[in-house]
Structure formats: C-alpha cells, structure tokens
Amino acid sequence: MELLLLGRVVQGAAGGLLAGLAGVLAAPHVALLWMIVLGTIAPFALSIASLQHLPATIVGVAAMAEPPLAALAAFLWLDETLAAAQLAGGAVVLAGIGLAQTARLPSR
C-alpha cells in the first residue's frame, strides 16, 4: 500500500512550501518514520538544546504555546477547520500563558 506523502502541504504565494514534493509517493513506514523524527524527536531535542541558551520559563512558554499556534498555522495554511471547542481550548491555553507571565510575587 502506498501513501501520498505531502500531497497538499502548504499553499502560499509561490505555489506552496515544499510544493515540489506534492507527488512523492512513500511507503507507510517511511511516512511513519517521518512523523516520528520530525514530529517528536526533533522538537524534543530542540527543546532540550534550547535550555542551554534560554531560561526554562521561556522554553516552557514556547512549549505551551505550540499547540494553539500549530492549530492556527493549520487553519491559515492548510484550510483546516477548527470547532468551537478547539478555539475555546486554544484561547484558554493562551490566556493561561498570559496570566502566568504577568503574575508576579509581591515584593517583601
């Protein structure tokens, strides 16, 4: 069984990011490996590596903001639809990030 890999990736002004890969066929295990490496291992390694250069609070905020921002990117670039519950959940996450960043301990 073959899987159309990256069939409709990102549509933009120049015909889409990675548009040259639109017709590439790959076996399912190749697509699965692609998702494992680029969807899990690489982001985790980059998060750990970023801790050497950034404070943990900044890295944590970036990690928490990733899902709603990824949903927004999918909505804008891939024409994905978002249900009301998904929009509300993203708003709650972003509001929580904002509250956490603006909360300060009282000075003594």
N, C-alpha and C. Protein backbone atom coordinates (compact mmCIF):
# COMPACT_ATOMS: atom_id res chain seq x y z
N MET A 1 0.85 -1.18 0.00
CA MET A 1 0.00 0.00 0.00
C MET A 1 0.89 1.24 0.00
N GLU A 2 0.59 2.16 -0.86
CA GLU A 2 1.38 3.38 -0.93
C GLU A 2 0.58 4.54 -0.35
N LEU A 3 1.29 5.50 0.12
CA LEU A 3 0.68 6.66 0.74
C LEU A 3 1.18 7.90 0.02
N LEU A 4 0.28 8.77 -0.32
CA LEU A 4 0.68 10.02 -0.95
C LEU A 4 1.23 10.91 0.14
N LEU A 5 2.54 11.08 0.13
CA LEU A 5 3.24 11.83 1.17
C LEU A 5 3.32 13.29 0.78
N LEU A 6 2.92 14.14 1.67
CA LEU A 6 2.96 15.58 1.46
C LEU A 6 2.17 16.00 0.23
N GLY A 7 1.00 15.41 0.09
CA GLY A 7 0.16 15.69 -1.06
C GLY A 7 -0.26 17.14 -1.16
N ARG A 8 -0.73 17.67 -0.06
CA ARG A 8 -1.15 19.07 -0.05
C ARG A 8 -0.54 19.70 1.17
N VAL A 9 0.65 20.21 1.05
CA VAL A 9 1.39 20.68 2.21
C VAL A 9 0.96 22.10 2.52
N VAL A 10 1.69 23.05 2.14
CA VAL A 10 1.39 24.43 2.49
C VAL A 10 1.21 25.23 1.22
N GLN A 11 0.08 25.89 1.10
CA GLN A 11 -0.18 26.69 -0.08
C GLN A 11 0.15 28.14 0.23
N GLY A 12 0.95 28.72 -0.58
CA GLY A 12 1.33 30.11 -0.37
C GLY A 12 1.39 30.84 -1.69
N ALA A 13 1.96 32.01 -1.67
CA ALA A 13 2.03 32.84 -2.86
C ALA A 13 2.88 32.19 -3.95
N ALA A 14 3.91 31.44 -3.57
CA ALA A 14 4.80 30.82 -4.55
C ALA A 14 4.39 29.40 -4.88
N GLY A 15 3.14 29.05 -4.69
CA GLY A 15 2.69 27.71 -5.00
C GLY A 15 2.80 26.75 -3.84
N GLY A 16 3.26 27.21 -2.73
CA GLY A 16 3.29 26.38 -1.54
C GLY A 16 4.69 25.97 -1.13
N LEU A 17 4.90 25.97 0.15
CA LEU A 17 6.15 25.49 0.72
C LEU A 17 6.23 24.00 0.47
N LEU A 18 7.34 23.53 -0.01
CA LEU A 18 7.56 22.11 -0.34
C LEU A 18 6.65 21.63 -1.46
N ALA A 19 6.23 22.53 -2.34
CA ALA A 19 5.32 22.14 -3.42
C ALA A 19 5.97 21.14 -4.36
N GLY A 20 7.28 21.10 -4.45
CA GLY A 20 7.97 20.16 -5.31
C GLY A 20 7.81 18.72 -4.84
N LEU A 21 7.38 18.51 -3.59
CA LEU A 21 7.19 17.17 -3.06
C LEU A 21 5.75 16.71 -3.13
N ALA A 22 4.90 17.46 -3.82
CA ALA A 22 3.46 17.17 -3.82
C ALA A 22 3.12 15.80 -4.39
N GLY A 23 3.91 15.27 -5.30
CA GLY A 23 3.57 14.00 -5.91
C GLY A 23 4.44 12.84 -5.44
N VAL A 24 5.22 13.03 -4.41
CA VAL A 24 6.13 11.98 -3.95
C VAL A 24 5.34 10.89 -3.23
N LEU A 25 5.52 9.65 -3.66
CA LEU A 25 4.88 8.53 -3.02
C LEU A 25 5.88 7.84 -2.10
N ALA A 26 5.40 7.42 -0.93
CA ALA A 26 6.27 6.73 0.01
C ALA A 26 5.48 5.61 0.67
N ALA A 27 6.18 4.60 1.10
CA ALA A 27 5.55 3.50 1.83
C ALA A 27 5.08 4.01 3.19
N PRO A 28 4.08 3.39 3.77
CA PRO A 28 3.56 3.86 5.06
C PRO A 28 4.61 3.91 6.16
N HIS A 29 5.55 2.97 6.16
CA HIS A 29 6.56 3.01 7.22
C HIS A 29 7.50 4.20 7.07
N VAL A 30 7.71 4.68 5.84
CA VAL A 30 8.53 5.87 5.64
C VAL A 30 7.80 7.10 6.16
N ALA A 31 6.51 7.18 5.89
CA ALA A 31 5.71 8.30 6.40
C ALA A 31 5.65 8.28 7.92
N LEU A 32 5.53 7.10 8.50
CA LEU A 32 5.52 6.98 9.96
C LEU A 32 6.85 7.41 10.54
N LEU A 33 7.94 6.99 9.95
CA LEU A 33 9.26 7.40 10.41
C LEU A 33 9.42 8.91 10.29
N TRP A 34 8.93 9.48 9.21
CA TRP A 34 8.97 10.93 9.00
C TRP A 34 8.25 11.65 10.15
N MET A 35 7.08 11.16 10.52
CA MET A 35 6.31 11.79 11.61
C MET A 35 7.01 11.61 12.96
N ILE A 36 7.60 10.46 13.18
CA ILE A 36 8.28 10.22 14.46
C ILE A 36 9.49 11.14 14.60
N VAL A 37 10.30 11.21 13.57
CA VAL A 37 11.52 12.01 13.65
C VAL A 37 11.20 13.50 13.69
N LEU A 38 10.39 13.98 12.75
CA LEU A 38 10.13 15.42 12.68
C LEU A 38 9.04 15.89 13.63
N GLY A 39 8.19 15.00 14.08
CA GLY A 39 7.10 15.41 14.96
C GLY A 39 7.36 15.21 16.44
N THR A 40 8.34 14.35 16.77
CA THR A 40 8.59 14.05 18.18
C THR A 40 10.05 14.23 18.56
N ILE A 41 10.92 13.51 17.89
CA ILE A 41 12.33 13.50 18.30
C ILE A 41 12.99 14.87 18.08
N ALA A 42 12.82 15.45 16.92
CA ALA A 42 13.45 16.75 16.63
C ALA A 42 12.95 17.85 17.56
N PRO A 43 11.62 18.01 17.77
CA PRO A 43 11.18 19.06 18.69
C PRO A 43 11.67 18.85 20.12
N PHE A 44 11.70 17.59 20.57
CA PHE A 44 12.18 17.32 21.92
C PHE A 44 13.66 17.68 22.04
N ALA A 45 14.46 17.27 21.06
CA ALA A 45 15.89 17.59 21.09
C ALA A 45 16.12 19.10 21.04
N LEU A 46 15.33 19.80 20.23
CA LEU A 46 15.48 21.26 20.17
C LEU A 46 15.07 21.93 21.48
N SER A 47 14.05 21.40 22.13
CA SER A 47 13.65 21.96 23.43
C SER A 47 14.74 21.78 24.47
N ILE A 48 15.33 20.60 24.51
CA ILE A 48 16.41 20.34 25.45
C ILE A 48 17.62 21.21 25.13
N ALA A 49 17.96 21.32 23.87
CA ALA A 49 19.11 22.14 23.47
C ALA A 49 18.86 23.62 23.77
N SER A 50 17.63 24.08 23.65
CA SER A 50 17.33 25.49 23.91
C SER A 50 17.51 25.85 25.37
N LEU A 51 17.44 24.87 26.27
CA LEU A 51 17.63 25.15 27.69
C LEU A 51 19.05 25.60 28.01
N GLN A 52 19.97 25.32 27.12
CA GLN A 52 21.35 25.79 27.32
C GLN A 52 21.48 27.28 27.01
N HIS A 53 20.52 27.82 26.29
CA HIS A 53 20.63 29.21 25.84
C HIS A 53 19.53 30.12 26.39
N LEU A 54 18.44 29.54 26.84
CA LEU A 54 17.29 30.32 27.30
C LEU A 54 16.86 29.87 28.69
N PRO A 55 16.21 30.75 29.45
CA PRO A 55 15.67 30.33 30.75
C PRO A 55 14.54 29.31 30.57
N ALA A 56 14.38 28.46 31.56
CA ALA A 56 13.36 27.41 31.50
C ALA A 56 11.96 28.00 31.35
N THR A 57 11.71 29.18 31.90
CA THR A 57 10.37 29.78 31.78
C THR A 57 10.04 30.11 30.33
N ILE A 58 11.01 30.60 29.60
CA ILE A 58 10.79 30.93 28.19
C ILE A 58 10.54 29.64 27.39
N VAL A 59 11.34 28.62 27.65
CA VAL A 59 11.17 27.35 26.94
C VAL A 59 9.81 26.75 27.27
N GLY A 60 9.39 26.85 28.53
CA GLY A 60 8.07 26.33 28.93
C GLY A 60 6.93 27.06 28.24
N VAL A 61 7.04 28.37 28.15
CA VAL A 61 6.01 29.16 27.47
C VAL A 61 5.93 28.76 26.01
N ALA A 62 7.08 28.60 25.37
CA ALA A 62 7.09 28.19 23.96
C ALA A 62 6.44 26.82 23.79
N ALA A 63 6.72 25.91 24.71
CA ALA A 63 6.15 24.56 24.62
C ALA A 63 4.63 24.60 24.81
N MET A 64 4.14 25.43 25.70
CA MET A 64 2.70 25.52 25.94
C MET A 64 1.97 26.24 24.81
N ALA A 65 2.64 27.18 24.16
CA ALA A 65 2.01 27.93 23.07
C ALA A 65 2.02 27.17 21.76
N GLU A 66 2.81 26.11 21.67
CA GLU A 66 2.95 25.39 20.40
C GLU A 66 1.64 24.81 19.88
N PRO A 67 0.83 24.09 20.67
CA PRO A 67 -0.40 23.51 20.10
C PRO A 67 -1.39 24.53 19.54
N PRO A 68 -1.71 25.62 20.27
CA PRO A 68 -2.64 26.57 19.66
C PRO A 68 -2.05 27.27 18.44
N LEU A 69 -0.76 27.54 18.46
CA LEU A 69 -0.15 28.19 17.30
C LEU A 69 -0.07 27.23 16.11
N ALA A 70 0.14 25.95 16.37
CA ALA A 70 0.13 24.96 15.29
C ALA A 70 -1.27 24.84 14.69
N ALA A 71 -2.29 24.90 15.52
CA ALA A 71 -3.67 24.86 15.02
C ALA A 71 -3.96 26.10 14.17
N LEU A 72 -3.46 27.24 14.60
CA LEU A 72 -3.64 28.47 13.82
C LEU A 72 -2.93 28.36 12.48
N ALA A 73 -1.72 27.82 12.48
CA ALA A 73 -0.99 27.63 11.22
C ALA A 73 -1.73 26.67 10.30
N ALA A 74 -2.27 25.60 10.84
CA ALA A 74 -3.04 24.65 10.03
C ALA A 74 -4.29 25.31 9.45
N PHE A 75 -4.91 26.17 10.23
CA PHE A 75 -6.11 26.89 9.77
C PHE A 75 -5.74 27.83 8.61
N LEU A 76 -4.65 28.56 8.77
CA LEU A 76 -4.27 29.55 7.77
C LEU A 76 -3.68 28.93 6.52
N TRP A 77 -2.80 27.93 6.65
CA TRP A 77 -2.08 27.39 5.51
C TRP A 77 -2.73 26.19 4.87
N LEU A 78 -3.38 25.36 5.66
CA LEU A 78 -3.91 24.11 5.13
C LEU A 78 -5.43 24.09 5.03
N ASP A 79 -6.06 25.23 5.30
CA ASP A 79 -7.51 25.35 5.24
C ASP A 79 -8.22 24.37 6.16
N GLU A 80 -7.61 24.06 7.30
CA GLU A 80 -8.25 23.20 8.28
C GLU A 80 -9.37 23.98 8.97
N THR A 81 -10.39 23.28 9.39
CA THR A 81 -11.46 23.93 10.13
C THR A 81 -11.27 23.65 11.61
N LEU A 82 -11.61 24.63 12.43
CA LEU A 82 -11.50 24.50 13.87
C LEU A 82 -12.89 24.58 14.48
N ALA A 83 -13.21 23.62 15.33
CA ALA A 83 -14.50 23.62 16.01
C ALA A 83 -14.47 24.64 17.15
N ALA A 84 -15.64 24.98 17.64
CA ALA A 84 -15.75 25.96 18.72
C ALA A 84 -14.98 25.50 19.96
N ALA A 85 -15.03 24.21 20.26
CA ALA A 85 -14.31 23.70 21.43
C ALA A 85 -12.80 23.85 21.25
N GLN A 86 -12.32 23.65 20.04
CA GLN A 86 -10.89 23.81 19.78
C GLN A 86 -10.47 25.26 19.91
N LEU A 87 -11.29 26.16 19.39
CA LEU A 87 -10.99 27.59 19.52
C LEU A 87 -11.01 28.01 20.98
N ALA A 88 -12.00 27.53 21.74
CA ALA A 88 -12.08 27.86 23.16
C ALA A 88 -10.88 27.29 23.91
N GLY A 89 -10.50 26.06 23.62
CA GLY A 89 -9.34 25.47 24.27
C GLY A 89 -8.06 26.23 23.99
N GLY A 90 -7.86 26.63 22.75
CA GLY A 90 -6.69 27.43 22.40
C GLY A 90 -6.68 28.76 23.11
N ALA A 91 -7.86 29.39 23.21
CA ALA A 91 -7.95 30.67 23.92
C ALA A 91 -7.64 30.50 25.40
N VAL A 92 -8.10 29.40 26.00
CA VAL A 92 -7.81 29.14 27.42
C VAL A 92 -6.32 28.94 27.63
N VAL A 93 -5.69 28.19 26.74
CA VAL A 93 -4.24 27.95 26.86
C VAL A 93 -3.48 29.27 26.73
N LEU A 94 -3.82 30.06 25.73
CA LEU A 94 -3.13 31.35 25.54
C LEU A 94 -3.40 32.31 26.69
N ALA A 95 -4.62 32.31 27.22
CA ALA A 95 -4.93 33.16 28.38
C ALA A 95 -4.14 32.69 29.60
N GLY A 96 -4.02 31.39 29.79
CA GLY A 96 -3.23 30.86 30.90
C GLY A 96 -1.77 31.24 30.80
N ILE A 97 -1.24 31.20 29.58
CA ILE A 97 0.15 31.63 29.37
C ILE A 97 0.30 33.10 29.71
N GLY A 98 -0.66 33.90 29.26
CA GLY A 98 -0.61 35.33 29.57
C GLY A 98 -0.69 35.61 31.06
N LEU A 99 -1.58 34.92 31.75
CA LEU A 99 -1.69 35.10 33.20
C LEU A 99 -0.42 34.66 33.92
N ALA A 100 0.13 33.55 33.51
CA ALA A 100 1.33 33.05 34.15
C ALA A 100 2.51 34.00 33.94
N GLN A 101 2.56 34.64 32.80
CA GLN A 101 3.65 35.56 32.51
C GLN A 101 3.50 36.91 33.20
N THR A 102 2.28 37.31 33.47
CA THR A 102 2.07 38.61 34.11
C THR A 102 1.97 38.52 35.62
N ALA A 103 1.80 37.32 36.15
CA ALA A 103 1.70 37.16 37.62
C ALA A 103 3.08 37.39 38.23
N ARG A 104 3.10 38.18 39.29
CA ARG A 104 4.34 38.47 39.99
C ARG A 104 4.12 38.26 41.48
N LEU A 105 5.16 37.78 42.13
CA LEU A 105 5.09 37.64 43.58
C LEU A 105 5.22 39.02 44.22
N PRO A 106 4.47 39.26 45.30
CA PRO A 106 4.60 40.57 45.96
C PRO A 106 6.00 40.72 46.56
N SER A 107 6.54 41.92 46.44
CA SER A 107 7.88 42.16 47.00
C SER A 107 7.78 42.34 48.51
N ARG A 108 8.83 41.92 49.21
CA ARG A 108 8.82 42.00 50.69
C ARG A 108 9.58 43.17 51.19
